[in-house]
C-alpha cells in the first residue's frame, strides 16, 4: 500500500515550513547577537544553529503525535490551535516584526547576556519555534508509513542546510538587500503563512464538526 502523498504536497509542506522558519528574518538578530564573535566562533554558532533546528524538528516529527496522544489531544483540535498560532505569527510577519510567540522582550534582553546564543534563542524559539513544531506534527499526520516520514525528514535536513547557508551569507545579504529587502521578503513569507494557517484552521474545524464537512460536500 502506498502511503506517500503526491509530489506537490511535499513541495507545499517544504515551502510552508520555510515560510514559518524564515531564516532571512532572523539575519538582523543573528548579526547583533554575534557581533563580538570572531570568524571561528561565528562559524561554530552557525553550525550549532543549523544542527539544533534539524534535531528539534526531527524530534517533533517522530515523537509529536505521541505527545498529543499522551495528553489526549485530537489532531483536529491541534490543527485549529496550531493554525491560530501560525496565523498570529503571519500577522506579525506582515508587519515585519518578530512575533511575541517566537520571543518576548524579556527573552531578547536575557539572550544578550548569554555566552552561547546558538540553541536558545536562535535555533529555538526564533527558528524552530512553536509554529514550526506544530506544522511538522500536522505534516506527519497527513499520511503514514516509513517513506512519508523519511521524505519529511529529508525536507527538514534540507531546511537546516538552507538555514546554514543563509546565516553564512548573512553579512553579504544584510549589506546587499538591507533591512528593507529583508522586510519585503518577510512580508511575502507572512502572506504565504497566513494562507496556510487558514487552511489548518478550516480543516480542524471540519474535523471537530463533521456536519460542516458534510454540508460542504453536499453543496
N, C-alpha and C. Protein backbone atom coordinates (compact mmCIF):
# COMPACT_ATOMS: atom_id res chain seq x y z
N UNK A 1 0.85 -1.21 0.00
CA UNK A 1 0.00 0.00 0.00
C UNK A 1 0.88 1.25 0.00
N UNK A 2 0.57 2.22 -0.87
CA UNK A 2 1.35 3.45 -0.99
C UNK A 2 0.81 4.50 -0.02
N UNK A 3 1.61 4.83 0.97
CA UNK A 3 1.20 5.82 1.95
C UNK A 3 1.81 7.19 1.68
N UNK A 4 2.42 7.36 0.52
CA UNK A 4 3.04 8.63 0.16
C UNK A 4 2.00 9.60 -0.39
N UNK A 5 2.22 10.88 -0.12
CA UNK A 5 1.41 11.91 -0.74
C UNK A 5 2.00 12.23 -2.11
N UNK A 6 1.29 13.04 -2.90
CA UNK A 6 1.84 13.38 -4.20
C UNK A 6 2.96 14.42 -4.06
N UNK A 7 3.72 14.56 -5.11
CA UNK A 7 4.92 15.41 -5.09
C UNK A 7 4.58 16.85 -4.70
N UNK A 8 3.47 17.36 -5.23
CA UNK A 8 3.09 18.76 -4.97
C UNK A 8 2.84 19.01 -3.49
N UNK A 9 2.28 18.01 -2.79
CA UNK A 9 2.00 18.16 -1.36
C UNK A 9 3.29 18.34 -0.57
N UNK A 10 4.31 17.57 -0.92
CA UNK A 10 5.57 17.68 -0.19
C UNK A 10 6.28 19.00 -0.48
N UNK A 11 6.15 19.48 -1.72
CA UNK A 11 6.72 20.79 -2.05
C UNK A 11 6.01 21.88 -1.26
N UNK A 12 4.69 21.76 -1.16
CA UNK A 12 3.89 22.72 -0.39
C UNK A 12 4.30 22.70 1.08
N UNK A 13 4.52 21.49 1.63
CA UNK A 13 4.95 21.37 3.02
C UNK A 13 6.29 22.08 3.23
N UNK A 14 7.23 21.85 2.30
CA UNK A 14 8.56 22.44 2.43
C UNK A 14 8.49 23.96 2.39
N UNK A 15 7.74 24.49 1.44
CA UNK A 15 7.61 25.95 1.31
C UNK A 15 6.95 26.54 2.55
N UNK A 16 5.93 25.84 3.06
CA UNK A 16 5.24 26.32 4.25
C UNK A 16 6.16 26.35 5.45
N UNK A 17 6.96 25.31 5.62
CA UNK A 17 7.88 25.26 6.74
C UNK A 17 8.99 26.30 6.59
N UNK A 18 9.43 26.52 5.35
CA UNK A 18 10.43 27.56 5.10
C UNK A 18 9.87 28.94 5.44
N UNK A 19 8.58 29.16 5.12
CA UNK A 19 7.95 30.44 5.43
C UNK A 19 7.87 30.66 6.94
N UNK A 20 7.60 29.59 7.68
CA UNK A 20 7.49 29.71 9.14
C UNK A 20 8.86 29.98 9.76
N UNK A 21 9.86 29.22 9.34
CA UNK A 21 11.20 29.39 9.89
C UNK A 21 11.78 30.75 9.49
N UNK A 22 11.60 31.12 8.22
CA UNK A 22 12.01 32.43 7.69
C UNK A 22 13.41 32.83 8.15
N UNK A 23 14.44 32.12 7.70
CA UNK A 23 15.81 32.43 8.15
C UNK A 23 16.27 33.84 7.79
N UNK A 24 15.71 34.41 6.71
CA UNK A 24 16.10 35.78 6.32
C UNK A 24 15.67 36.79 7.38
N UNK A 25 14.52 36.54 8.00
CA UNK A 25 14.04 37.47 9.02
C UNK A 25 14.87 37.47 10.29
N UNK A 26 15.68 36.42 10.47
CA UNK A 26 16.50 36.30 11.69
C UNK A 26 17.87 36.95 11.50
N UNK A 27 18.20 37.32 10.25
CA UNK A 27 19.54 37.85 9.96
C UNK A 27 19.91 39.05 10.85
N UNK A 28 19.06 40.09 10.99
CA UNK A 28 19.45 41.22 11.84
C UNK A 28 19.71 40.80 13.29
N UNK A 29 18.88 39.88 13.81
CA UNK A 29 19.05 39.42 15.18
C UNK A 29 20.34 38.62 15.31
N UNK A 30 20.60 37.75 14.32
CA UNK A 30 21.82 36.93 14.33
C UNK A 30 23.05 37.81 14.32
N UNK A 31 23.07 38.83 13.46
CA UNK A 31 24.24 39.71 13.36
C UNK A 31 24.47 40.45 14.67
N UNK A 32 23.39 40.95 15.27
CA UNK A 32 23.52 41.71 16.52
C UNK A 32 24.01 40.83 17.67
N UNK A 33 23.58 39.55 17.67
CA UNK A 33 23.95 38.65 18.76
C UNK A 33 25.35 38.07 18.61
N UNK A 34 25.92 38.16 17.41
CA UNK A 34 27.25 37.57 17.18
C UNK A 34 28.29 38.64 16.84
N UNK A 35 27.99 39.88 17.17
CA UNK A 35 28.90 40.98 16.85
C UNK A 35 30.28 40.80 17.48
N UNK A 36 30.29 40.31 18.73
CA UNK A 36 31.55 40.18 19.46
C UNK A 36 32.29 38.87 19.15
N UNK A 37 31.75 38.04 18.28
CA UNK A 37 32.39 36.77 17.97
C UNK A 37 33.36 36.93 16.79
N UNK A 38 34.47 36.18 16.86
CA UNK A 38 35.37 36.17 15.72
C UNK A 38 34.85 35.20 14.66
N UNK A 39 35.59 35.08 13.56
CA UNK A 39 35.12 34.26 12.45
C UNK A 39 34.90 32.80 12.84
N UNK A 40 35.83 32.24 13.60
CA UNK A 40 35.72 30.83 14.00
C UNK A 40 34.53 30.62 14.93
N UNK A 41 34.33 31.54 15.86
CA UNK A 41 33.21 31.43 16.81
C UNK A 41 31.88 31.57 16.09
N UNK A 42 31.82 32.48 15.13
CA UNK A 42 30.58 32.67 14.39
C UNK A 42 30.26 31.44 13.55
N UNK A 43 31.28 30.83 12.95
CA UNK A 43 31.07 29.61 12.16
C UNK A 43 30.54 28.49 13.06
N UNK A 44 31.09 28.37 14.26
CA UNK A 44 30.63 27.36 15.21
C UNK A 44 29.18 27.61 15.60
N UNK A 45 28.84 28.88 15.82
CA UNK A 45 27.46 29.23 16.17
C UNK A 45 26.50 28.85 15.05
N UNK A 46 26.90 29.16 13.81
CA UNK A 46 26.05 28.84 12.65
C UNK A 46 25.83 27.34 12.55
N UNK A 47 26.89 26.56 12.73
CA UNK A 47 26.77 25.10 12.67
C UNK A 47 25.82 24.58 13.75
N UNK A 48 25.94 25.13 14.95
CA UNK A 48 25.09 24.71 16.07
C UNK A 48 23.63 25.08 15.83
N UNK A 49 23.40 26.25 15.23
CA UNK A 49 22.03 26.68 14.93
C UNK A 49 21.39 25.72 13.94
N UNK A 50 22.10 25.41 12.85
CA UNK A 50 21.55 24.53 11.82
C UNK A 50 21.27 23.14 12.37
N UNK A 51 22.22 22.58 13.12
CA UNK A 51 22.03 21.25 13.72
C UNK A 51 20.89 21.28 14.73
N UNK A 52 20.82 22.35 15.52
CA UNK A 52 19.75 22.47 16.52
C UNK A 52 18.38 22.50 15.88
N UNK A 53 18.22 23.25 14.79
CA UNK A 53 16.94 23.30 14.08
C UNK A 53 16.55 21.92 13.57
N UNK A 54 17.51 21.21 12.99
CA UNK A 54 17.23 19.87 12.45
C UNK A 54 16.79 18.92 13.57
N UNK A 55 17.53 18.90 14.67
CA UNK A 55 17.22 17.98 15.77
C UNK A 55 15.85 18.29 16.38
N UNK A 56 15.57 19.55 16.61
CA UNK A 56 14.29 19.95 17.22
C UNK A 56 13.11 19.51 16.35
N UNK A 57 13.21 19.75 15.04
CA UNK A 57 12.11 19.41 14.14
C UNK A 57 11.99 17.90 13.91
N UNK A 58 13.12 17.19 13.92
CA UNK A 58 13.06 15.72 13.79
C UNK A 58 12.40 15.10 15.03
N UNK A 59 12.69 15.63 16.20
CA UNK A 59 12.04 15.15 17.42
C UNK A 59 10.53 15.38 17.33
N UNK A 60 10.14 16.56 16.84
CA UNK A 60 8.72 16.86 16.67
C UNK A 60 8.08 15.90 15.67
N UNK A 61 8.82 15.56 14.60
CA UNK A 61 8.30 14.68 13.57
C UNK A 61 8.01 13.28 14.10
N UNK A 62 8.96 12.72 14.84
CA UNK A 62 8.85 11.32 15.25
C UNK A 62 8.15 11.11 16.59
N UNK A 63 8.09 12.16 17.42
CA UNK A 63 7.51 11.98 18.75
C UNK A 63 6.34 12.93 19.03
N UNK A 64 6.04 13.84 18.09
CA UNK A 64 4.97 14.82 18.32
C UNK A 64 3.61 14.19 18.55
N UNK A 65 3.26 13.20 17.74
CA UNK A 65 1.95 12.56 17.89
C UNK A 65 1.83 11.80 19.21
N UNK A 66 2.95 11.24 19.68
CA UNK A 66 2.93 10.54 20.97
C UNK A 66 2.60 11.51 22.09
N UNK A 67 3.10 12.73 21.99
CA UNK A 67 2.80 13.76 23.00
C UNK A 67 1.31 14.11 22.97
N UNK A 68 0.76 14.26 21.75
CA UNK A 68 -0.66 14.55 21.62
C UNK A 68 -1.51 13.43 22.22
N UNK A 69 -1.14 12.18 21.93
CA UNK A 69 -1.87 11.04 22.47
C UNK A 69 -1.78 11.00 23.99
N UNK A 70 -0.61 11.33 24.53
CA UNK A 70 -0.41 11.31 25.98
C UNK A 70 -1.35 12.29 26.68
N UNK A 71 -1.53 13.46 26.07
CA UNK A 71 -2.39 14.48 26.67
C UNK A 71 -3.84 14.37 26.19
N UNK A 72 -4.12 13.40 25.33
CA UNK A 72 -5.48 13.20 24.85
C UNK A 72 -5.97 14.31 23.93
N UNK A 73 -5.07 14.89 23.16
CA UNK A 73 -5.42 15.99 22.25
C UNK A 73 -5.70 15.41 20.87
N UNK A 74 -6.85 15.73 20.30
CA UNK A 74 -7.17 15.23 18.96
C UNK A 74 -6.43 16.06 17.93
N UNK A 75 -6.18 15.46 16.78
CA UNK A 75 -5.46 16.17 15.72
C UNK A 75 -6.29 17.33 15.18
N UNK A 76 -7.63 17.20 15.23
CA UNK A 76 -8.49 18.28 14.74
C UNK A 76 -8.35 19.53 15.61
N UNK A 77 -8.39 19.34 16.93
CA UNK A 77 -8.24 20.49 17.83
C UNK A 77 -6.83 21.06 17.74
N UNK A 78 -5.84 20.19 17.51
CA UNK A 78 -4.46 20.66 17.37
C UNK A 78 -4.31 21.47 16.08
N UNK A 79 -5.03 21.08 15.03
CA UNK A 79 -4.99 21.85 13.78
C UNK A 79 -5.52 23.27 14.00
N UNK A 80 -6.63 23.37 14.74
CA UNK A 80 -7.21 24.69 15.00
C UNK A 80 -6.24 25.52 15.84
N UNK A 81 -5.74 24.92 16.94
CA UNK A 81 -4.80 25.64 17.80
C UNK A 81 -3.52 26.01 17.07
N UNK A 82 -2.96 25.06 16.33
CA UNK A 82 -1.75 25.34 15.56
C UNK A 82 -1.98 26.38 14.49
N UNK A 83 -3.15 26.32 13.85
CA UNK A 83 -3.49 27.30 12.81
C UNK A 83 -3.57 28.71 13.37
N UNK A 84 -4.19 28.85 14.55
CA UNK A 84 -4.28 30.17 15.18
C UNK A 84 -2.89 30.68 15.55
N UNK A 85 -2.06 29.79 16.08
CA UNK A 85 -0.69 30.15 16.44
C UNK A 85 0.08 30.65 15.22
N UNK A 86 -0.03 29.92 14.11
CA UNK A 86 0.67 30.29 12.89
C UNK A 86 0.11 31.58 12.30
N UNK A 87 -1.21 31.77 12.42
CA UNK A 87 -1.83 32.99 11.91
C UNK A 87 -1.32 34.22 12.67
N UNK A 88 -1.15 34.09 13.98
CA UNK A 88 -0.61 35.20 14.77
C UNK A 88 0.82 35.53 14.33
N UNK A 89 1.61 34.49 14.05
CA UNK A 89 2.96 34.70 13.55
C UNK A 89 2.93 35.39 12.19
N UNK A 90 1.99 34.96 11.32
CA UNK A 90 1.87 35.54 9.98
C UNK A 90 1.52 37.02 10.05
N UNK A 91 0.62 37.38 10.97
CA UNK A 91 0.23 38.79 11.11
C UNK A 91 1.43 39.63 11.54
N UNK A 92 2.23 39.09 12.48
CA UNK A 92 3.44 39.80 12.89
C UNK A 92 4.41 39.95 11.73
N UNK A 93 4.55 38.90 10.91
CA UNK A 93 5.46 38.95 9.77
C UNK A 93 4.98 39.96 8.72
N UNK A 94 3.66 40.07 8.54
CA UNK A 94 3.13 41.04 7.59
C UNK A 94 3.43 42.47 8.02
N UNK A 95 3.66 42.65 9.33
CA UNK A 95 4.08 43.96 9.85
C UNK A 95 5.59 44.03 10.00
N UNK A 96 6.29 43.00 9.47
CA UNK A 96 7.76 42.94 9.52
C UNK A 96 8.27 43.02 10.95
N UNK A 97 7.59 42.30 11.85
CA UNK A 97 8.00 42.27 13.26
C UNK A 97 8.25 40.84 13.69
N UNK A 98 9.04 40.69 14.77
CA UNK A 98 9.23 39.38 15.37
C UNK A 98 8.08 39.12 16.33
N UNK A 99 7.35 38.04 16.10
CA UNK A 99 6.18 37.75 16.92
C UNK A 99 6.60 37.43 18.35
N UNK A 100 5.74 37.85 19.33
CA UNK A 100 5.99 37.51 20.72
C UNK A 100 5.88 36.01 20.95
N UNK A 101 5.25 35.30 20.00
CA UNK A 101 5.19 33.84 20.10
C UNK A 101 6.60 33.27 19.97
N UNK A 102 7.42 33.92 19.17
CA UNK A 102 8.80 33.46 18.99
C UNK A 102 9.66 33.88 20.17
N UNK A 103 9.60 35.16 20.53
CA UNK A 103 10.46 35.65 21.59
C UNK A 103 9.89 36.93 22.18
N UNK A 104 9.82 36.98 23.51
CA UNK A 104 9.35 38.17 24.20
C UNK A 104 10.51 39.14 24.38
N UNK A 105 10.21 40.37 24.80
CA UNK A 105 11.26 41.35 25.02
C UNK A 105 12.19 40.91 26.15
N UNK A 106 11.61 40.28 27.19
CA UNK A 106 12.42 39.81 28.31
C UNK A 106 13.40 38.73 27.86
N UNK A 107 12.93 37.81 26.99
CA UNK A 107 13.81 36.76 26.48
C UNK A 107 14.91 37.35 25.60
N UNK A 108 14.56 38.38 24.83
CA UNK A 108 15.56 39.03 23.98
C UNK A 108 16.64 39.69 24.82
N UNK A 109 16.22 40.38 25.89
CA UNK A 109 17.18 41.03 26.77
C UNK A 109 18.08 40.01 27.45
N UNK A 110 17.48 38.90 27.88
CA UNK A 110 18.23 37.85 28.58
C UNK A 110 19.24 37.19 27.64
N UNK A 111 18.85 37.01 26.37
CA UNK A 111 19.72 36.33 25.42
C UNK A 111 21.00 37.11 25.15
N UNK A 112 20.95 38.44 25.32
CA UNK A 112 22.13 39.27 25.10
C UNK A 112 23.21 38.92 26.13
N UNK A 113 22.76 38.50 27.34
CA UNK A 113 23.69 38.20 28.42
C UNK A 113 24.37 36.84 28.22
N UNK A 114 23.82 35.97 27.41
CA UNK A 114 24.32 34.60 27.29
C UNK A 114 25.57 34.53 26.42
N UNK A 115 26.46 33.61 26.80
CA UNK A 115 27.66 33.41 26.01
C UNK A 115 27.33 32.73 24.69
N UNK A 116 26.47 31.72 24.74
CA UNK A 116 26.10 30.99 23.53
C UNK A 116 24.64 31.24 23.22
N UNK A 117 24.38 31.74 22.02
CA UNK A 117 23.01 32.04 21.63
C UNK A 117 22.55 31.11 20.52
N UNK A 118 23.34 30.08 20.22
CA UNK A 118 23.05 29.22 19.07
C UNK A 118 21.75 28.45 19.25
N UNK A 119 21.62 27.75 20.37
CA UNK A 119 20.42 26.93 20.57
C UNK A 119 19.27 27.78 21.06
N UNK A 120 19.50 28.57 22.12
CA UNK A 120 18.50 29.49 22.64
C UNK A 120 19.10 30.88 22.62
N UNK A 121 18.52 31.84 21.89
CA UNK A 121 17.19 31.79 21.27
C UNK A 121 17.18 31.54 19.76
N UNK A 122 18.37 31.40 19.11
CA UNK A 122 18.36 31.35 17.64
C UNK A 122 17.68 30.11 17.08
N UNK A 123 18.18 28.91 17.47
CA UNK A 123 17.55 27.68 16.95
C UNK A 123 16.12 27.55 17.46
N UNK A 124 15.93 27.83 18.75
CA UNK A 124 14.59 27.79 19.35
C UNK A 124 14.52 28.88 20.40
N UNK A 125 13.54 29.79 20.32
CA UNK A 125 12.32 29.69 19.51
C UNK A 125 12.31 30.51 18.21
N UNK A 126 13.43 31.22 17.90
CA UNK A 126 13.37 32.12 16.74
C UNK A 126 13.21 31.39 15.41
N UNK A 127 13.84 30.23 15.26
CA UNK A 127 13.71 29.48 14.01
C UNK A 127 12.75 28.30 14.18
N UNK A 128 13.17 27.30 14.92
CA UNK A 128 12.31 26.12 15.16
C UNK A 128 11.47 26.35 16.41
N UNK A 129 10.53 27.28 16.30
CA UNK A 129 9.67 27.63 17.42
C UNK A 129 8.36 26.85 17.43
N UNK A 130 7.41 27.30 18.24
CA UNK A 130 6.12 26.60 18.35
C UNK A 130 5.39 26.43 17.02
N UNK A 131 5.47 27.45 16.17
CA UNK A 131 4.79 27.37 14.87
C UNK A 131 5.37 26.28 13.99
N UNK A 132 6.70 26.21 13.92
CA UNK A 132 7.35 25.19 13.10
C UNK A 132 7.11 23.80 13.66
N UNK A 133 7.17 23.66 14.98
CA UNK A 133 6.94 22.36 15.61
C UNK A 133 5.51 21.89 15.35
N UNK A 134 4.55 22.79 15.50
CA UNK A 134 3.14 22.44 15.24
C UNK A 134 2.95 22.00 13.79
N UNK A 135 3.58 22.73 12.88
CA UNK A 135 3.44 22.40 11.45
C UNK A 135 4.01 21.03 11.13
N UNK A 136 5.17 20.70 11.70
CA UNK A 136 5.78 19.39 11.45
C UNK A 136 4.87 18.27 11.95
N UNK A 137 4.28 18.44 13.11
CA UNK A 137 3.37 17.41 13.66
C UNK A 137 2.16 17.23 12.75
N UNK A 138 1.61 18.33 12.27
CA UNK A 138 0.45 18.25 11.38
C UNK A 138 0.83 17.65 10.02
N UNK A 139 2.02 17.95 9.54
CA UNK A 139 2.50 17.37 8.29
C UNK A 139 2.64 15.86 8.43
N UNK A 140 3.18 15.42 9.56
CA UNK A 140 3.38 13.98 9.79
C UNK A 140 2.05 13.24 9.80
N UNK A 141 0.99 13.90 10.27
CA UNK A 141 -0.31 13.24 10.41
C UNK A 141 -1.04 13.10 9.08
N UNK A 142 -0.54 13.75 8.02
CA UNK A 142 -1.22 13.70 6.72
C UNK A 142 -1.19 12.31 6.10
N UNK A 143 -0.22 11.49 6.50
CA UNK A 143 -0.12 10.14 5.97
C UNK A 143 0.64 9.29 6.97
N UNK A 144 0.92 8.04 6.60
CA UNK A 144 1.66 7.16 7.49
C UNK A 144 2.67 6.37 6.65
N UNK A 145 3.47 5.60 7.32
CA UNK A 145 4.46 4.81 6.59
C UNK A 145 5.84 5.41 6.68
N UNK A 146 6.83 4.56 6.56
CA UNK A 146 8.23 4.98 6.70
C UNK A 146 8.62 5.99 5.62
N UNK A 147 8.19 5.73 4.38
CA UNK A 147 8.58 6.60 3.27
C UNK A 147 8.10 8.03 3.48
N UNK A 148 6.86 8.18 3.97
CA UNK A 148 6.29 9.51 4.22
C UNK A 148 7.14 10.27 5.24
N UNK A 149 7.49 9.60 6.33
CA UNK A 149 8.28 10.24 7.38
C UNK A 149 9.70 10.55 6.88
N UNK A 150 10.25 9.67 6.06
CA UNK A 150 11.60 9.89 5.56
C UNK A 150 11.66 11.09 4.62
N UNK A 151 10.62 11.28 3.81
CA UNK A 151 10.59 12.44 2.90
C UNK A 151 10.52 13.73 3.72
N UNK A 152 9.69 13.75 4.76
CA UNK A 152 9.61 14.94 5.61
C UNK A 152 10.94 15.17 6.33
N UNK A 153 11.55 14.08 6.82
CA UNK A 153 12.85 14.20 7.49
C UNK A 153 13.90 14.77 6.54
N UNK A 154 13.86 14.32 5.29
CA UNK A 154 14.79 14.84 4.28
C UNK A 154 14.56 16.33 4.05
N UNK A 155 13.28 16.73 4.02
CA UNK A 155 12.95 18.14 3.87
C UNK A 155 13.45 18.96 5.04
N UNK A 156 13.36 18.42 6.25
CA UNK A 156 13.85 19.12 7.45
C UNK A 156 15.37 19.30 7.37
N UNK A 157 16.07 18.27 6.94
CA UNK A 157 17.52 18.38 6.80
C UNK A 157 17.90 19.39 5.72
N UNK A 158 17.10 19.44 4.66
CA UNK A 158 17.34 20.44 3.61
C UNK A 158 17.10 21.85 4.15
N UNK A 159 16.08 22.00 5.00
CA UNK A 159 15.82 23.29 5.64
C UNK A 159 16.99 23.71 6.52
N UNK A 160 17.54 22.73 7.25
CA UNK A 160 18.71 23.01 8.07
C UNK A 160 19.87 23.53 7.23
N UNK A 161 20.03 22.95 6.04
CA UNK A 161 21.08 23.39 5.12
C UNK A 161 20.80 24.81 4.63
N UNK A 162 19.52 25.12 4.36
CA UNK A 162 19.14 26.47 3.95
C UNK A 162 19.46 27.47 5.05
N UNK A 163 19.10 27.11 6.29
CA UNK A 163 19.40 27.98 7.44
C UNK A 163 20.90 28.22 7.55
N UNK A 164 21.68 27.16 7.41
CA UNK A 164 23.13 27.26 7.48
C UNK A 164 23.65 28.21 6.40
N UNK A 165 23.16 28.04 5.16
CA UNK A 165 23.62 28.87 4.06
C UNK A 165 23.25 30.33 4.23
N UNK A 166 22.02 30.59 4.68
CA UNK A 166 21.57 31.97 4.86
C UNK A 166 22.39 32.67 5.94
N UNK A 167 22.63 31.97 7.06
CA UNK A 167 23.40 32.59 8.14
C UNK A 167 24.86 32.79 7.74
N UNK A 168 25.41 31.87 6.95
CA UNK A 168 26.79 32.05 6.46
C UNK A 168 26.90 33.29 5.58
N UNK A 169 25.84 33.55 4.81
CA UNK A 169 25.84 34.69 3.89
C UNK A 169 25.21 35.94 4.51
N UNK A 170 24.87 35.88 5.80
CA UNK A 170 24.13 36.97 6.44
C UNK A 170 24.79 38.34 6.30
N UNK A 171 26.11 38.48 6.48
CA UNK A 171 26.71 39.82 6.30
C UNK A 171 26.53 40.34 4.87
N UNK A 172 26.73 39.45 3.89
CA UNK A 172 26.57 39.83 2.49
C UNK A 172 25.12 40.19 2.18
N UNK A 173 24.17 39.37 2.69
CA UNK A 173 22.75 39.63 2.45
C UNK A 173 22.34 40.95 3.08
N UNK A 174 22.76 41.17 4.32
CA UNK A 174 22.40 42.41 5.02
C UNK A 174 22.95 43.63 4.31
N UNK A 175 24.15 43.50 3.71
CA UNK A 175 24.76 44.62 3.01
C UNK A 175 24.08 44.89 1.67
N UNK A 176 23.75 43.81 0.95
CA UNK A 176 23.21 43.96 -0.41
C UNK A 176 21.73 44.36 -0.42
N UNK A 177 20.92 43.70 0.40
CA UNK A 177 19.47 43.99 0.31
C UNK A 177 18.99 44.85 1.47
N UNK A 178 19.75 44.93 2.55
CA UNK A 178 19.40 45.82 3.65
C UNK A 178 18.14 45.41 4.39
N UNK A 179 17.79 46.25 5.36
CA UNK A 179 16.62 45.97 6.19
C UNK A 179 15.33 45.98 5.38
N UNK A 180 15.25 46.88 4.39
CA UNK A 180 14.04 46.98 3.57
C UNK A 180 13.80 45.70 2.78
N UNK A 181 14.85 45.18 2.17
CA UNK A 181 14.73 43.94 1.40
C UNK A 181 14.33 42.76 2.28
N UNK A 182 14.92 42.67 3.47
CA UNK A 182 14.58 41.60 4.40
C UNK A 182 13.12 41.71 4.83
N UNK A 183 12.66 42.95 5.07
CA UNK A 183 11.27 43.16 5.49
C UNK A 183 10.29 42.79 4.37
N UNK A 184 10.66 43.09 3.13
CA UNK A 184 9.79 42.72 2.00
C UNK A 184 9.66 41.20 1.91
N UNK A 185 10.80 40.51 2.02
CA UNK A 185 10.78 39.04 1.98
C UNK A 185 9.97 38.49 3.14
N UNK A 186 10.11 39.08 4.32
CA UNK A 186 9.36 38.62 5.50
C UNK A 186 7.87 38.79 5.30
N UNK A 187 7.45 39.89 4.68
CA UNK A 187 6.03 40.12 4.43
C UNK A 187 5.47 39.11 3.43
N UNK A 188 6.26 38.77 2.41
CA UNK A 188 5.83 37.77 1.43
C UNK A 188 5.65 36.42 2.11
N UNK A 189 6.62 36.04 2.95
CA UNK A 189 6.52 34.79 3.70
C UNK A 189 5.31 34.82 4.66
N UNK A 190 5.04 35.99 5.22
CA UNK A 190 3.89 36.13 6.12
C UNK A 190 2.58 35.91 5.39
N UNK A 191 2.49 36.38 4.15
CA UNK A 191 1.27 36.19 3.37
C UNK A 191 1.05 34.71 3.07
N UNK A 192 2.13 34.01 2.68
CA UNK A 192 2.04 32.57 2.43
C UNK A 192 1.63 31.84 3.71
N UNK A 193 2.21 32.27 4.81
CA UNK A 193 1.94 31.64 6.11
C UNK A 193 0.49 31.84 6.53
N UNK A 194 -0.07 33.02 6.26
CA UNK A 194 -1.45 33.30 6.62
C UNK A 194 -2.40 32.35 5.88
N UNK A 195 -2.12 32.11 4.60
CA UNK A 195 -2.96 31.20 3.81
C UNK A 195 -2.87 29.77 4.36
N UNK A 196 -1.67 29.34 4.74
CA UNK A 196 -1.50 28.00 5.32
C UNK A 196 -2.24 27.90 6.64
N UNK A 197 -2.17 28.95 7.46
CA UNK A 197 -2.84 28.95 8.76
C UNK A 197 -4.35 28.82 8.60
N UNK A 198 -4.92 29.55 7.65
CA UNK A 198 -6.36 29.48 7.42
C UNK A 198 -6.77 28.07 6.99
N UNK A 199 -5.93 27.44 6.17
CA UNK A 199 -6.22 26.06 5.74
C UNK A 199 -6.19 25.10 6.93
N UNK A 200 -5.21 25.25 7.81
CA UNK A 200 -5.14 24.42 9.01
C UNK A 200 -6.40 24.58 9.86
N UNK A 201 -6.79 25.85 10.07
CA UNK A 201 -7.96 26.13 10.91
C UNK A 201 -9.22 25.55 10.28
N UNK A 202 -9.39 25.73 8.96
CA UNK A 202 -10.58 25.23 8.27
C UNK A 202 -10.68 23.71 8.36
N UNK A 203 -9.55 23.03 8.13
CA UNK A 203 -9.55 21.57 8.21
C UNK A 203 -9.81 21.10 9.64
N UNK A 204 -9.27 21.82 10.61
CA UNK A 204 -9.50 21.46 12.00
C UNK A 204 -10.96 21.61 12.41
N UNK A 205 -11.58 22.69 11.97
CA UNK A 205 -12.99 22.92 12.29
C UNK A 205 -13.86 21.85 11.66
N UNK A 206 -13.54 21.47 10.42
CA UNK A 206 -14.29 20.40 9.76
C UNK A 206 -14.14 19.08 10.51
N UNK A 207 -12.94 18.85 11.08
CA UNK A 207 -12.73 17.63 11.86
C UNK A 207 -13.49 17.65 13.17
N UNK A 208 -13.58 18.82 13.79
CA UNK A 208 -14.30 18.94 15.06
C UNK A 208 -15.81 18.90 14.85
N UNK A 209 -16.26 19.44 13.72
CA UNK A 209 -17.68 19.49 13.42
C UNK A 209 -17.93 18.86 12.05
N UNK A 210 -18.01 17.52 11.99
CA UNK A 210 -18.16 16.81 10.71
C UNK A 210 -19.37 17.25 9.89
N UNK A 211 -20.37 17.79 10.55
CA UNK A 211 -21.57 18.23 9.85
C UNK A 211 -21.24 19.34 8.86
N UNK A 212 -20.20 20.14 9.19
CA UNK A 212 -19.79 21.22 8.29
C UNK A 212 -19.17 20.64 7.04
N UNK A 213 -18.34 19.61 7.21
CA UNK A 213 -17.73 18.96 6.04
C UNK A 213 -18.79 18.30 5.17
N UNK A 214 -19.79 17.67 5.82
CA UNK A 214 -20.86 17.03 5.08
C UNK A 214 -21.66 18.05 4.28
N UNK A 215 -21.91 19.21 4.91
CA UNK A 215 -22.66 20.26 4.23
C UNK A 215 -21.89 20.81 3.04
N UNK A 216 -20.55 20.93 3.20
CA UNK A 216 -19.72 21.43 2.11
C UNK A 216 -19.71 20.45 0.92
N UNK A 217 -19.59 19.17 1.23
CA UNK A 217 -19.58 18.17 0.18
C UNK A 217 -20.94 18.11 -0.54
N UNK A 218 -22.01 18.29 0.24
CA UNK A 218 -23.33 18.26 -0.35
C UNK A 218 -23.55 19.44 -1.29
N UNK A 219 -22.95 20.60 -0.88
CA UNK A 219 -23.10 21.80 -1.71
C UNK A 219 -22.33 21.67 -3.00
